[in-house]
């Protein structure tokens, strides 16, 4: 997570900011009939030192899929308001 300044928010592909979770990833299929792909939910807390206002919450996902020769790398960002 990273605070946004007057120039806007910076995504995870440029800067990681404060790391809120670093641990195992064990995606599972849904047990309901919503047909979601394998996924995992995470609960994180905003650190008390974090500045109020806009911030960007980012996820960086690195994986080896199948027998491919190259890793898959993806970034997902969402802008949030820290109160």
PDB file of N, CA and C in Angstrom:
ATOM      1  N   UNK A   1       0.855  -1.162   0.000  1.00  0.00           N
ATOM      2  CA  UNK A   1       0.000   0.000   0.000  1.00  0.00           C
ATOM      3  C   UNK A   1       0.899   1.222   0.000  1.00  0.00           C
ATOM      4  N   UNK A   2       0.474   2.212  -0.772  1.00  0.00           N
ATOM      5  CA  UNK A   2       1.269   3.426  -0.864  1.00  0.00           C
ATOM      6  C   UNK A   2       0.360   4.642  -0.929  1.00  0.00           C
ATOM      7  N   UNK A   3       0.711   5.678  -0.150  1.00  0.00           N
ATOM      8  CA  UNK A   3      -0.062   6.922  -0.177  1.00  0.00           C
ATOM      9  C   UNK A   3       0.078   7.589  -1.534  1.00  0.00           C
ATOM     10  N   UNK A   4      -0.980   8.257  -1.952  1.00  0.00           N
ATOM     11  CA  UNK A   4      -0.952   9.015  -3.205  1.00  0.00           C
ATOM     12  C   UNK A   4      -0.602  10.460  -2.876  1.00  0.00           C
ATOM     13  N   UNK A   5       0.195  11.063  -3.730  1.00  0.00           N
ATOM     14  CA  UNK A   5       0.514  12.475  -3.540  1.00  0.00           C
ATOM     15  C   UNK A   5      -0.276  13.296  -4.545  1.00  0.00           C
ATOM     16  N   UNK A   6       0.015  14.566  -4.643  1.00  0.00           N
ATOM     17  CA  UNK A   6      -0.737  15.443  -5.547  1.00  0.00           C
ATOM     18  C   UNK A   6      -0.549  15.059  -7.014  1.00  0.00           C
ATOM     19  N   UNK A   7       0.498  14.302  -7.318  1.00  0.00           N
ATOM     20  CA  UNK A   7       0.744  13.867  -8.695  1.00  0.00           C
ATOM     21  C   UNK A   7      -0.006  12.606  -9.065  1.00  0.00           C
ATOM     22  N   UNK A   8      -0.724  12.020  -8.122  1.00  0.00           N
ATOM     23  CA  UNK A   8      -1.479  10.796  -8.393  1.00  0.00           C
ATOM     24  C   UNK A   8      -0.885   9.594  -7.693  1.00  0.00           C
ATOM     25  N   UNK A   9      -1.473   8.445  -7.951  1.00  0.00           N
ATOM     26  CA  UNK A   9      -1.053   7.200  -7.310  1.00  0.00           C
ATOM     27  C   UNK A   9      -0.077   6.442  -8.202  1.00  0.00           C
ATOM     28  N   UNK A  10       0.867   5.779  -7.584  1.00  0.00           N
ATOM     29  CA  UNK A  10       1.858   4.973  -8.296  1.00  0.00           C
ATOM     30  C   UNK A  10       1.501   3.509  -8.096  1.00  0.00           C
ATOM     31  N   UNK A  11       1.457   2.734  -9.168  1.00  0.00           N
ATOM     32  CA  UNK A  11       1.107   1.320  -9.086  1.00  0.00           C
ATOM     33  C   UNK A  11       2.259   0.447  -8.631  1.00  0.00           C
ATOM     34  N   UNK A  12       1.951  -0.808  -8.346  1.00  0.00           N
ATOM     35  CA  UNK A  12       2.933  -1.769  -7.833  1.00  0.00           C
ATOM     36  C   UNK A  12       4.044  -2.055  -8.827  1.00  0.00           C
ATOM     37  N   UNK A  13       3.796  -1.842 -10.108  1.00  0.00           N
ATOM     38  CA  UNK A  13       4.839  -2.100 -11.092  1.00  0.00           C
ATOM     39  C   UNK A  13       5.980  -1.093 -11.003  1.00  0.00           C
ATOM     40  N   UNK A  14       5.760   0.020 -10.273  1.00  0.00           N
ATOM     41  CA  UNK A  14       6.797   1.034 -10.107  1.00  0.00           C
ATOM     42  C   UNK A  14       7.351   1.090  -8.686  1.00  0.00           C
ATOM     43  N   UNK A  15       6.505   0.823  -7.683  1.00  0.00           N
ATOM     44  CA  UNK A  15       6.936   0.885  -6.287  1.00  0.00           C
ATOM     45  C   UNK A  15       6.011   0.029  -5.430  1.00  0.00           C
ATOM     46  N   UNK A  16       6.579  -0.705  -4.481  1.00  0.00           N
ATOM     47  CA  UNK A  16       5.769  -1.588  -3.641  1.00  0.00           C
ATOM     48  C   UNK A  16       5.141  -0.872  -2.451  1.00  0.00           C
ATOM     49  N   UNK A  17       5.713   0.221  -1.996  1.00  0.00           N
ATOM     50  CA  UNK A  17       5.171   0.896  -0.828  1.00  0.00           C
ATOM     51  C   UNK A  17       5.329   0.041   0.420  1.00  0.00           C
ATOM     52  N   UNK A  18       4.362   0.094   1.333  1.00  0.00           N
ATOM     53  CA  UNK A  18       4.378  -0.693   2.567  1.00  0.00           C
ATOM     54  C   UNK A  18       3.770  -2.063   2.300  1.00  0.00           C
ATOM     55  N   UNK A  19       4.519  -3.110   2.583  1.00  0.00           N
ATOM     56  CA  UNK A  19       4.032  -4.476   2.372  1.00  0.00           C
ATOM     57  C   UNK A  19       3.095  -4.843   3.520  1.00  0.00           C
ATOM     58  N   UNK A  20       1.853  -5.218   3.199  1.00  0.00           N
ATOM     59  CA  UNK A  20       0.863  -5.580   4.211  1.00  0.00           C
ATOM     60  C   UNK A  20       0.742  -7.088   4.388  1.00  0.00           C
ATOM     61  N   UNK A  21       1.170  -7.869   3.398  1.00  0.00           N
ATOM     62  CA  UNK A  21       1.104  -9.333   3.495  1.00  0.00           C
ATOM     63  C   UNK A  21       2.207  -9.932   2.639  1.00  0.00           C
ATOM     64  N   UNK A  22       2.937 -10.853   3.220  1.00  0.00           N
ATOM     65  CA  UNK A  22       3.930 -11.641   2.487  1.00  0.00           C
ATOM     66  C   UNK A  22       3.837 -13.044   3.061  1.00  0.00           C
ATOM     67  N   UNK A  23       3.261 -13.937   2.325  1.00  0.00           N
ATOM     68  CA  UNK A  23       3.059 -15.279   2.845  1.00  0.00           C
ATOM     69  C   UNK A  23       2.554 -16.209   1.778  1.00  0.00           C
ATOM     70  N   UNK A  24       2.073 -17.364   2.194  1.00  0.00           N
ATOM     71  CA  UNK A  24       1.654 -18.378   1.227  1.00  0.00           C
ATOM     72  C   UNK A  24       0.409 -17.968   0.444  1.00  0.00           C
ATOM     73  N   UNK A  25       0.311 -18.517  -0.736  1.00  0.00           N
ATOM     74  CA  UNK A  25      -0.844 -18.325  -1.610  1.00  0.00           C
ATOM     75  C   UNK A  25      -1.361 -19.710  -1.959  1.00  0.00           C
ATOM     76  N   UNK A  26      -2.580 -20.011  -1.542  1.00  0.00           N
ATOM     77  CA  UNK A  26      -3.156 -21.336  -1.749  1.00  0.00           C
ATOM     78  C   UNK A  26      -4.592 -21.178  -2.256  1.00  0.00           C
ATOM     79  N   UNK A  27      -4.752 -20.803  -3.536  1.00  0.00           N
ATOM     80  CA  UNK A  27      -6.095 -20.554  -4.057  1.00  0.00           C
ATOM     81  C   UNK A  27      -6.945 -21.814  -4.089  1.00  0.00           C
ATOM     82  N   UNK A  28      -8.249 -21.636  -3.852  1.00  0.00           N
ATOM     83  CA  UNK A  28      -9.200 -22.752  -3.834  1.00  0.00           C
ATOM     84  C   UNK A  28     -10.411 -22.392  -4.691  1.00  0.00           C
ATOM     85  N   UNK A  29     -11.085 -23.414  -5.213  1.00  0.00           N
ATOM     86  CA  UNK A  29     -12.341 -23.190  -5.929  1.00  0.00           C
ATOM     87  C   UNK A  29     -13.430 -22.832  -4.922  1.00  0.00           C
ATOM     88  N   UNK A  30     -14.438 -22.093  -5.368  1.00  0.00           N
ATOM     89  CA  UNK A  30     -15.573 -21.742  -4.519  1.00  0.00           C
ATOM     90  C   UNK A  30     -16.356 -22.989  -4.145  1.00  0.00           C
ATOM     91  N   UNK A  31     -16.950 -22.954  -2.958  1.00  0.00           N
ATOM     92  CA  UNK A  31     -17.821 -24.055  -2.539  1.00  0.00           C
ATOM     93  C   UNK A  31     -19.274 -23.754  -2.896  1.00  0.00           C
ATOM     94  N   UNK A  32     -19.520 -22.554  -3.424  1.00  0.00           N
ATOM     95  CA  UNK A  32     -20.865 -22.180  -3.864  1.00  0.00           C
ATOM     96  C   UNK A  32     -20.933 -22.271  -5.390  1.00  0.00           C
ATOM     97  N   UNK A  33     -22.099 -21.995  -5.930  1.00  0.00           N
ATOM     98  CA  UNK A  33     -22.292 -22.124  -7.377  1.00  0.00           C
ATOM     99  C   UNK A  33     -22.072 -20.775  -8.078  1.00  0.00           C
ATOM    100  N   UNK A  34     -21.056 -20.011  -7.679  1.00  0.00           N
ATOM    101  CA  UNK A  34     -20.802 -18.715  -8.324  1.00  0.00           C
ATOM    102  C   UNK A  34     -19.746 -18.809  -9.425  1.00  0.00           C
ATOM    103  N   UNK A  35     -19.178 -19.981  -9.628  1.00  0.00           N
ATOM    104  CA  UNK A  35     -18.246 -20.258 -10.726  1.00  0.00           C
ATOM    105  C   UNK A  35     -17.018 -19.359 -10.741  1.00  0.00           C
ATOM    106  N   UNK A  36     -16.526 -18.997  -9.575  1.00  0.00           N
ATOM    107  CA  UNK A  36     -15.290 -18.227  -9.512  1.00  0.00           C
ATOM    108  C   UNK A  36     -14.114 -19.144  -9.822  1.00  0.00           C
ATOM    109  N   UNK A  37     -13.071 -18.605 -10.447  1.00  0.00           N
ATOM    110  CA  UNK A  37     -11.855 -19.405 -10.621  1.00  0.00           C
ATOM    111  C   UNK A  37     -11.190 -19.588  -9.255  1.00  0.00           C
ATOM    112  N   UNK A  38     -10.177 -20.428  -9.152  1.00  0.00           N
ATOM    113  CA  UNK A  38      -9.501 -20.574  -7.860  1.00  0.00           C
ATOM    114  C   UNK A  38      -9.077 -19.198  -7.323  1.00  0.00           C
ATOM    115  N   UNK A  39      -9.330 -18.955  -6.047  1.00  0.00           N
ATOM    116  CA  UNK A  39      -9.034 -17.656  -5.447  1.00  0.00           C
ATOM    117  C   UNK A  39      -8.787 -17.824  -3.951  1.00  0.00           C
ATOM    118  N   UNK A  40      -8.288 -16.764  -3.342  1.00  0.00           N
ATOM    119  CA  UNK A  40      -8.047 -16.749  -1.902  1.00  0.00           C
ATOM    120  C   UNK A  40      -8.321 -15.343  -1.395  1.00  0.00           C
ATOM    121  N   UNK A  41      -8.990 -15.213  -0.259  1.00  0.00           N
ATOM    122  CA  UNK A  41      -9.258 -13.920   0.359  1.00  0.00           C
ATOM    123  C   UNK A  41      -8.196 -13.612   1.405  1.00  0.00           C
ATOM    124  N   UNK A  42      -7.817 -12.346   1.494  1.00  0.00           N
ATOM    125  CA  UNK A  42      -6.842 -11.894   2.479  1.00  0.00           C
ATOM    126  C   UNK A  42      -7.435 -10.729   3.255  1.00  0.00           C
ATOM    127  N   UNK A  43      -7.199 -10.688   4.556  1.00  0.00           N
ATOM    128  CA  UNK A  43      -7.587  -9.563   5.393  1.00  0.00           C
ATOM    129  C   UNK A  43      -6.311  -8.899   5.879  1.00  0.00           C
ATOM    130  N   UNK A  44      -6.199  -7.592   5.635  1.00  0.00           N
ATOM    131  CA  UNK A  44      -5.018  -6.844   6.068  1.00  0.00           C
ATOM    132  C   UNK A  44      -5.481  -5.614   6.838  1.00  0.00           C
ATOM    133  N   UNK A  45      -4.588  -5.063   7.646  1.00  0.00           N
ATOM    134  CA  UNK A  45      -4.888  -3.845   8.398  1.00  0.00           C
ATOM    135  C   UNK A  45      -3.977  -2.725   7.934  1.00  0.00           C
ATOM    136  N   UNK A  46      -4.547  -1.531   7.845  1.00  0.00           N
ATOM    137  CA  UNK A  46      -3.760  -0.357   7.490  1.00  0.00           C
ATOM    138  C   UNK A  46      -2.925   0.031   8.706  1.00  0.00           C
ATOM    139  N   UNK A  47      -1.607   0.193   8.546  1.00  0.00           N
ATOM    140  CA  UNK A  47      -0.762   0.578   9.682  1.00  0.00           C
ATOM    141  C   UNK A  47      -1.191   1.930  10.267  1.00  0.00           C
ATOM    142  N   UNK A  48      -1.024   2.095  11.572  1.00  0.00           N
ATOM    143  CA  UNK A  48      -1.442   3.332  12.246  1.00  0.00           C
ATOM    144  C   UNK A  48      -0.654   4.548  11.769  1.00  0.00           C
ATOM    145  N   UNK A  49       0.562   4.340  11.251  1.00  0.00           N
ATOM    146  CA  UNK A  49       1.384   5.460  10.792  1.00  0.00           C
ATOM    147  C   UNK A  49       0.987   5.950   9.394  1.00  0.00           C
ATOM    148  N   UNK A  50       0.040   5.279   8.765  1.00  0.00           N
ATOM    149  CA  UNK A  50      -0.308   5.617   7.389  1.00  0.00           C
ATOM    150  C   UNK A  50      -1.025   6.957   7.314  1.00  0.00           C
ATOM    151  N   UNK A  51      -0.716   7.748   6.312  1.00  0.00           N
ATOM    152  CA  UNK A  51      -1.301   9.075   6.107  1.00  0.00           C
ATOM    153  C   UNK A  51      -2.739   8.927   5.601  1.00  0.00           C
ATOM    154  N   UNK A  52      -3.652   9.768   6.120  1.00  0.00           N
ATOM    155  CA  UNK A  52      -5.037   9.720   5.638  1.00  0.00           C
ATOM    156  C   UNK A  52      -5.119  10.305   4.231  1.00  0.00           C
ATOM    157  N   UNK A  53      -6.144   9.915   3.520  1.00  0.00           N
ATOM    158  CA  UNK A  53      -6.333  10.374   2.143  1.00  0.00           C
ATOM    159  C   UNK A  53      -6.253   9.206   1.176  1.00  0.00           C
ATOM    160  N   UNK A  54      -6.079   9.520  -0.090  1.00  0.00           N
ATOM    161  CA  UNK A  54      -6.032   8.479  -1.114  1.00  0.00           C
ATOM    162  C   UNK A  54      -4.755   7.656  -1.011  1.00  0.00           C
ATOM    163  N   UNK A  55      -4.918   6.368  -1.299  1.00  0.00           N
ATOM    164  CA  UNK A  55      -3.777   5.446  -1.327  1.00  0.00           C
ATOM    165  C   UNK A  55      -4.069   4.392  -2.385  1.00  0.00           C
ATOM    166  N   UNK A  56      -3.035   3.710  -2.817  1.00  0.00           N
ATOM    167  CA  UNK A  56      -3.221   2.624  -3.770  1.00  0.00           C
ATOM    168  C   UNK A  56      -2.862   1.313  -3.075  1.00  0.00           C
ATOM    169  N   UNK A  57      -3.780   0.352  -3.150  1.00  0.00           N
ATOM    170  CA  UNK A  57      -3.569  -0.991  -2.614  1.00  0.00           C
ATOM    171  C   UNK A  57      -3.250  -1.877  -3.811  1.00  0.00           C
ATOM    172  N   UNK A  58      -2.090  -2.507  -3.787  1.00  0.00           N
ATOM    173  CA  UNK A  58      -1.616  -3.273  -4.939  1.00  0.00           C
ATOM    174  C   UNK A  58      -1.339  -4.710  -4.566  1.00  0.00           C
ATOM    175  N   UNK A  59      -1.515  -5.578  -5.539  1.00  0.00           N
ATOM    176  CA  UNK A  59      -1.174  -6.991  -5.400  1.00  0.00           C
ATOM    177  C   UNK A  59      -0.219  -7.338  -6.528  1.00  0.00           C
ATOM    178  N   UNK A  60       0.888  -7.958  -6.172  1.00  0.00           N
ATOM    179  CA  UNK A  60       1.835  -8.460  -7.156  1.00  0.00           C
ATOM    180  C   UNK A  60       1.781  -9.974  -7.100  1.00  0.00           C
ATOM    181  N   UNK A  61       1.567 -10.609  -8.237  1.00  0.00           N
ATOM    182  CA  UNK A  61       1.405 -12.062  -8.296  1.00  0.00           C
ATOM    183  C   UNK A  61       2.424 -12.623  -9.281  1.00  0.00           C
ATOM    184  N   UNK A  62       3.310 -13.460  -8.779  1.00  0.00           N
ATOM    185  CA  UNK A  62       4.314 -14.134  -9.598  1.00  0.00           C
ATOM    186  C   UNK A  62       4.054 -15.625  -9.504  1.00  0.00           C
ATOM    187  N   UNK A  63       3.962 -16.296 -10.646  1.00  0.00           N
ATOM    188  CA  UNK A  63       3.647 -17.727 -10.627  1.00  0.00           C
ATOM    189  C   UNK A  63       4.303 -18.440 -11.800  1.00  0.00           C
ATOM    190  N   UNK A  64       4.573 -19.711 -11.591  1.00  0.00           N
ATOM    191  CA  UNK A  64       4.978 -20.605 -12.670  1.00  0.00           C
ATOM    192  C   UNK A  64       3.765 -21.459 -12.993  1.00  0.00           C
ATOM    193  N   UNK A  65       3.310 -21.394 -14.228  1.00  0.00           N
ATOM    194  CA  UNK A  65       2.090 -22.088 -14.617  1.00  0.00           C
ATOM    195  C   UNK A  65       2.438 -23.219 -15.579  1.00  0.00           C
ATOM    196  N   UNK A  66       2.058 -24.428 -15.209  1.00  0.00           N
ATOM    197  CA  UNK A  66       2.307 -25.577 -16.080  1.00  0.00           C
ATOM    198  C   UNK A  66       3.781 -25.793 -16.325  1.00  0.00           C
ATOM    199  N   UNK A  67       4.111 -26.183 -17.535  1.00  0.00           N
ATOM    200  CA  UNK A  67       5.500 -26.471 -17.893  1.00  0.00           C
ATOM    201  C   UNK A  67       6.094 -25.342 -18.717  1.00  0.00           C
ATOM    202  N   UNK A  68       5.555 -24.136 -18.578  1.00  0.00           N
ATOM    203  CA  UNK A  68       6.041 -22.993 -19.344  1.00  0.00           C
ATOM    204  C   UNK A  68       7.468 -22.629 -18.978  1.00  0.00           C
ATOM    205  N   UNK A  69       8.131 -21.960 -19.899  1.00  0.00           N
ATOM    206  CA  UNK A  69       9.522 -21.578 -19.690  1.00  0.00           C
ATOM    207  C   UNK A  69       9.669 -20.219 -19.021  1.00  0.00           C
ATOM    208  N   UNK A  70       8.592 -19.463 -18.948  1.00  0.00           N
ATOM    209  CA  UNK A  70       8.666 -18.134 -18.358  1.00  0.00           C
ATOM    210  C   UNK A  70       7.642 -17.988 -17.239  1.00  0.00           C
ATOM    211  N   UNK A  71       7.985 -17.237 -16.197  1.00  0.00           N
ATOM    212  CA  UNK A  71       7.010 -17.009 -15.119  1.00  0.00           C
ATOM    213  C   UNK A  71       5.926 -16.029 -15.568  1.00  0.00           C
ATOM    214  N   UNK A  72       4.778 -16.112 -14.919  1.00  0.00           N
ATOM    215  CA  UNK A  72       3.689 -15.170 -15.151  1.00  0.00           C
ATOM    216  C   UNK A  72       3.775 -14.103 -14.057  1.00  0.00           C
ATOM    217  N   UNK A  73       3.743 -12.844 -14.441  1.00  0.00           N
ATOM    218  CA  UNK A  73       3.805 -11.743 -13.492  1.00  0.00           C
ATOM    219  C   UNK A  73       2.643 -10.806 -13.777  1.00  0.00           C
ATOM    220  N   UNK A  74       1.838 -10.538 -12.744  1.00  0.00           N
ATOM    221  CA  UNK A  74       0.726  -9.608 -12.926  1.00  0.00           C
ATOM    222  C   UNK A  74       0.625  -8.667 -11.733  1.00  0.00           C
ATOM    223  N   UNK A  75       0.095  -7.475 -11.998  1.00  0.00           N
ATOM    224  CA  UNK A  75      -0.123  -6.452 -10.986  1.00  0.00           C
ATOM    225  C   UNK A  75      -1.589  -6.052 -11.017  1.00  0.00           C
ATOM    226  N   UNK A  76      -2.188  -5.905  -9.860  1.00  0.00           N
ATOM    227  CA  UNK A  76      -3.557  -5.398  -9.738  1.00  0.00           C
ATOM    228  C   UNK A  76      -3.536  -4.263  -8.726  1.00  0.00           C
ATOM    229  N   UNK A  77      -4.186  -3.150  -9.058  1.00  0.00           N
ATOM    230  CA  UNK A  77      -4.212  -1.967  -8.196  1.00  0.00           C
ATOM    231  C   UNK A  77      -5.644  -1.503  -7.978  1.00  0.00           C
ATOM    232  N   UNK A  78      -5.916  -0.978  -6.801  1.00  0.00           N
ATOM    233  CA  UNK A  78      -7.196  -0.331  -6.528  1.00  0.00           C
ATOM    234  C   UNK A  78      -6.912   0.888  -5.645  1.00  0.00           C
ATOM    235  N   UNK A  79      -7.562   2.002  -5.960  1.00  0.00           N
ATOM    236  CA  UNK A  79      -7.399   3.214  -5.164  1.00  0.00           C
ATOM    237  C   UNK A  79      -8.402   3.174  -4.017  1.00  0.00           C
ATOM    238  N   UNK A  80      -7.917   3.460  -2.810  1.00  0.00           N
ATOM    239  CA  UNK A  80      -8.760   3.445  -1.612  1.00  0.00           C
ATOM    240  C   UNK A  80      -8.625   4.779  -0.890  1.00  0.00           C
ATOM    241  N   UNK A  81      -9.552   5.068   0.014  1.00  0.00           N
ATOM    242  CA  UNK A  81      -9.489   6.283   0.815  1.00  0.00           C
ATOM    243  C   UNK A  81      -9.234   5.894   2.264  1.00  0.00           C
ATOM    244  N   UNK A  82      -8.119   6.343   2.825  1.00  0.00           N
ATOM    245  CA  UNK A  82      -7.752   6.055   4.214  1.00  0.00           C
ATOM    246  C   UNK A  82      -8.307   7.174   5.085  1.00  0.00           C
ATOM    247  N   UNK A  83      -9.183   6.810   6.020  1.00  0.00           N
ATOM    248  CA  UNK A  83      -9.814   7.821   6.876  1.00  0.00           C
ATOM    249  C   UNK A  83      -9.171   7.842   8.250  1.00  0.00           C
TER     250      UNK A  83
END
